[in-house]
């Protein structure tokens, strides 16, 4: 009951911190898509490059988030942004690379060779084949990678409260430091609800973007 009362009395603060959380994750994921998808496409051309890129991305994702924030503080302090919004966005951007690059690489690599040959037979140059055949077929798998990145990083962004980035993690960090279970539970519930809502929203978008032939093949 205490937690429900706390939530009802702080709806405006909860809404503000939820928007901060969404802003960090949304900007970082947007940048991750703009960088990760082209990288995933490019490395399909060279297996050695693919191995190196995927290995580096896998190493980055194993670094504990609090350690990554700590590493960025002295570097970004040189431009006056050692703590706060910027390091949080950069961390989420880095953590998002592996699922997006890997899924893009896998999706493009696994396009049916017969479809490529058919497109080539129609006289499509490589760029046109990529834009009209390969990328549309790859979208479901790429979107699955985006969903993984979003859900994972909603949790990671909660840690960013410790470097002054705001977001729902503020409830958790204050709940711990002040021994206040109301704030701790509120933060945990809101982060979980945001992750679930985001996953369902992206699943809906994934289905809307999936070509009819691909969705039919999956049933």
Protein backbone atom coordinates (compact mmCIF):
# COMPACT_ATOMS: atom_id res chain seq x y z
CA UNK A 1 0.00 0.00 0.00
CA UNK A 2 2.86 2.38 0.80
CA UNK A 3 4.30 1.85 -2.68
CA UNK A 4 0.93 2.44 -4.37
CA UNK A 5 0.50 5.63 -2.35
CA UNK A 6 4.01 6.76 -3.32
CA UNK A 7 3.26 6.11 -7.00
CA UNK A 8 -0.05 7.99 -6.89
CA UNK A 9 1.61 10.98 -5.21
CA UNK A 10 4.53 11.09 -7.67
CA UNK A 11 2.94 10.44 -11.06
CA UNK A 12 4.41 13.65 -12.52
CA UNK A 13 7.95 12.71 -11.41
CA UNK A 14 7.49 9.14 -12.68
CA UNK A 15 6.32 10.47 -16.06
CA UNK A 16 9.29 12.87 -16.27
CA UNK A 17 11.84 10.15 -15.48
CA UNK A 18 10.14 7.72 -17.85
CA UNK A 19 10.54 10.26 -20.66
CA UNK A 20 14.21 10.74 -19.72
CA UNK A 21 14.67 6.97 -19.86
CA UNK A 22 12.93 6.71 -23.25
CA UNK A 23 15.00 9.61 -24.58
CA UNK A 24 18.33 7.96 -23.71
CA UNK A 25 17.35 4.56 -25.11
CA UNK A 26 15.54 5.98 -28.15
CA UNK A 27 18.38 8.24 -29.30
CA UNK A 28 21.01 5.54 -28.71
CA UNK A 29 19.03 2.82 -30.49
CA UNK A 30 18.33 5.17 -33.41
CA UNK A 31 22.06 5.84 -33.78
CA UNK A 32 22.80 2.14 -33.36
CA UNK A 33 20.45 1.28 -36.24
CA UNK A 34 22.02 3.97 -38.45
CA UNK A 35 25.51 2.56 -37.78
CA UNK A 36 24.91 -1.13 -37.06
CA UNK A 37 22.76 -2.00 -40.08
CA UNK A 38 25.25 -0.62 -42.68
CA UNK A 39 28.12 -2.34 -40.83
CA UNK A 40 26.18 -5.61 -40.80
CA UNK A 41 25.57 -5.32 -44.55
CA UNK A 42 29.19 -4.41 -45.35
CA UNK A 43 30.74 -7.30 -43.43
CA UNK A 44 28.74 -9.80 -45.51
CA UNK A 45 31.27 -9.01 -48.26
CA UNK A 46 34.28 -10.24 -46.24
CA UNK A 47 34.27 -13.14 -43.78
CA UNK A 48 37.46 -12.01 -42.04
CA UNK A 49 36.04 -8.51 -41.49
CA UNK A 50 32.83 -10.09 -40.19
CA UNK A 51 34.74 -12.21 -37.66
CA UNK A 52 36.72 -9.20 -36.39
CA UNK A 53 33.72 -6.85 -36.13
CA UNK A 54 31.50 -9.39 -34.40
CA UNK A 55 34.32 -10.31 -31.99
CA UNK A 56 34.88 -6.67 -31.02
CA UNK A 57 31.13 -6.10 -30.57
CA UNK A 58 30.94 -9.24 -28.41
CA UNK A 59 33.79 -7.98 -26.20
CA UNK A 60 32.07 -4.60 -25.72
CA UNK A 61 28.81 -6.20 -24.60
CA UNK A 62 30.63 -8.17 -21.87
CA UNK A 63 31.99 -5.01 -20.19
CA UNK A 64 29.93 -4.27 -17.04
CA UNK A 65 27.89 -1.11 -17.57
CA UNK A 66 29.16 0.62 -14.44
CA UNK A 67 32.75 -0.04 -15.58
CA UNK A 68 32.01 1.36 -19.05
CA UNK A 69 30.51 4.50 -17.50
CA UNK A 70 33.62 4.80 -15.33
CA UNK A 71 35.92 4.49 -18.34
CA UNK A 72 34.06 7.22 -20.22
CA UNK A 73 34.14 9.77 -17.39
CA UNK A 74 37.79 10.87 -17.86
CA UNK A 75 37.52 10.73 -21.66
CA UNK A 76 34.31 12.74 -21.99
CA UNK A 77 35.39 15.11 -19.21
CA UNK A 78 37.79 16.56 -21.78
CA UNK A 79 34.74 18.02 -23.57
CA UNK A 80 32.85 18.79 -20.37
CA UNK A 81 30.44 15.82 -20.52
CA UNK A 82 32.01 13.23 -18.22
CA UNK A 83 28.69 12.52 -16.53
CA UNK A 84 25.05 12.86 -17.53
CA UNK A 85 23.17 12.28 -20.77
CA UNK A 86 26.02 11.90 -23.31
CA UNK A 87 27.92 9.00 -21.69
CA UNK A 88 24.63 7.19 -21.09
CA UNK A 89 23.71 7.47 -24.79
CA UNK A 90 27.18 6.36 -25.91
CA UNK A 91 27.11 3.34 -23.58
CA UNK A 92 23.68 2.22 -24.83
CA UNK A 93 24.84 2.80 -28.42
CA UNK A 94 27.87 0.54 -27.87
CA UNK A 95 25.85 -2.19 -26.14
CA UNK A 96 23.31 -2.14 -28.99
CA UNK A 97 25.85 -2.84 -31.73
CA UNK A 98 26.20 -6.62 -31.31
CA UNK A 99 22.54 -7.68 -31.65
CA UNK A 100 21.91 -5.24 -34.51
CA UNK A 101 25.11 -5.97 -36.47
CA UNK A 102 24.89 -9.74 -35.89
CA UNK A 103 21.23 -9.99 -36.89
CA UNK A 104 21.74 -7.82 -39.99
CA UNK A 105 24.77 -9.88 -41.03
CA UNK A 106 22.90 -13.15 -40.46
CA UNK A 107 19.78 -11.98 -42.29
CA UNK A 108 21.60 -10.69 -45.38
CA UNK A 109 23.89 -13.74 -45.49
CA UNK A 110 20.93 -16.13 -45.38
CA UNK A 111 18.86 -14.58 -48.17
CA UNK A 112 17.84 -17.37 -50.54
CA UNK A 113 20.45 -17.51 -53.37
CA UNK A 114 17.63 -18.30 -55.82
CA UNK A 115 16.07 -14.90 -55.06
CA UNK A 116 19.39 -13.19 -55.66
CA UNK A 117 19.74 -15.00 -58.98
CA UNK A 118 16.19 -14.05 -59.96
CA UNK A 119 16.92 -10.38 -59.18
CA UNK A 120 20.17 -10.61 -61.14
CA UNK A 121 18.28 -12.16 -64.01
CA UNK A 122 15.92 -9.17 -64.03
CA UNK A 123 18.94 -6.97 -64.58
CA UNK A 124 19.09 -5.43 -61.11
CA UNK A 125 22.51 -4.01 -60.17
CA UNK A 126 23.91 -4.92 -56.70
CA UNK A 127 22.60 -1.79 -54.94
CA UNK A 128 19.12 -2.29 -56.35
CA UNK A 129 19.12 -5.97 -55.35
CA UNK A 130 20.12 -4.95 -51.83
CA UNK A 131 17.42 -2.26 -51.56
CA UNK A 132 14.56 -4.13 -53.24
CA UNK A 133 15.21 -7.77 -52.36
CA UNK A 134 17.72 -8.40 -49.60
CA UNK A 135 16.90 -5.65 -47.08
CA UNK A 136 13.09 -6.17 -47.21
CA UNK A 137 13.62 -9.90 -46.59
CA UNK A 138 16.09 -9.16 -43.78
CA UNK A 139 13.83 -6.73 -41.89
CA UNK A 140 12.18 -9.32 -39.57
CA UNK A 141 15.56 -10.59 -38.34
CA UNK A 142 17.01 -7.07 -38.06
CA UNK A 143 13.97 -5.96 -36.06
CA UNK A 144 14.44 -8.95 -33.76
CA UNK A 145 17.95 -7.64 -33.07
CA UNK A 146 16.57 -4.16 -32.39
CA UNK A 147 14.04 -5.61 -29.93
CA UNK A 148 16.81 -7.46 -28.07
CA UNK A 149 18.89 -4.27 -27.93
CA UNK A 150 15.99 -2.13 -26.67
CA UNK A 151 14.86 -4.50 -23.92
CA UNK A 152 18.43 -5.14 -22.76
CA UNK A 153 19.33 -1.47 -22.71
CA UNK A 154 16.23 -0.31 -20.86
CA UNK A 155 17.71 -2.24 -17.95
CA UNK A 156 21.24 -0.95 -18.53
CA UNK A 157 20.00 2.65 -18.70
CA UNK A 158 18.74 2.29 -15.12
CA UNK A 159 22.43 2.10 -14.08
CA UNK A 160 23.05 5.45 -15.81
CA UNK A 161 21.33 7.17 -12.87
CA UNK A 162 24.61 6.72 -11.00
CA UNK A 163 26.36 9.08 -13.44
CA UNK A 164 23.63 11.71 -13.33
CA UNK A 165 21.80 10.76 -16.52
CA UNK A 166 18.38 10.68 -14.86
CA UNK A 167 15.74 8.19 -15.91
CA UNK A 168 13.89 5.58 -13.88
CA UNK A 169 17.11 4.36 -12.32
CA UNK A 170 17.00 7.41 -10.03
CA UNK A 171 14.19 5.72 -8.08
CA UNK A 172 16.30 2.59 -7.71
CA UNK A 173 19.52 4.37 -6.71
CA UNK A 174 17.71 6.59 -4.19
CA UNK A 175 15.72 3.65 -2.90
CA UNK A 176 18.98 1.85 -2.15
CA UNK A 177 20.85 4.85 -0.69
CA UNK A 178 17.88 5.98 1.42
CA UNK A 179 16.73 2.44 2.36
CA UNK A 180 13.33 3.33 0.89
CA UNK A 181 11.62 0.23 -0.57
CA UNK A 182 8.84 2.39 -2.07
CA UNK A 183 11.25 4.10 -4.49
CA UNK A 184 13.13 0.87 -5.17
CA UNK A 185 9.96 -1.06 -6.04
CA UNK A 186 8.57 1.85 -8.08
CA UNK A 187 11.75 2.04 -10.16
CA UNK A 188 11.90 -1.72 -10.69
CA UNK A 189 8.24 -1.94 -11.71
CA UNK A 190 8.46 1.00 -14.12
CA UNK A 191 11.63 -0.31 -15.79
CA UNK A 192 9.98 -3.72 -16.24
CA UNK A 193 6.75 -2.24 -17.62
CA UNK A 194 8.70 -0.02 -20.02
CA UNK A 195 10.69 -3.02 -21.29
CA UNK A 196 7.54 -5.10 -21.81
CA UNK A 197 5.65 -2.25 -23.52
CA UNK A 198 8.63 -1.49 -25.80
CA UNK A 199 9.01 -5.15 -26.77
CA UNK A 200 5.34 -5.46 -27.71
CA UNK A 201 5.40 -2.17 -29.64
CA UNK A 202 8.47 -3.27 -31.61
CA UNK A 203 6.93 -6.71 -32.22
CA UNK A 204 3.88 -4.97 -33.72
CA UNK A 205 6.18 -2.81 -35.87
CA UNK A 206 8.19 -5.87 -36.91
CA UNK A 207 5.02 -7.59 -38.11
CA UNK A 208 3.93 -4.49 -40.02
CA UNK A 209 7.32 -4.26 -41.77
CA UNK A 210 7.55 -7.97 -42.57
CA UNK A 211 6.84 -8.71 -46.25
CA UNK A 212 3.67 -10.79 -46.71
CA UNK A 213 5.60 -13.65 -48.29
CA UNK A 214 8.01 -13.82 -45.31
CA UNK A 215 5.26 -13.78 -42.70
CA UNK A 216 3.36 -16.43 -44.64
CA UNK A 217 6.46 -18.61 -44.81
CA UNK A 218 6.80 -18.44 -41.04
CA UNK A 219 3.39 -20.06 -40.37
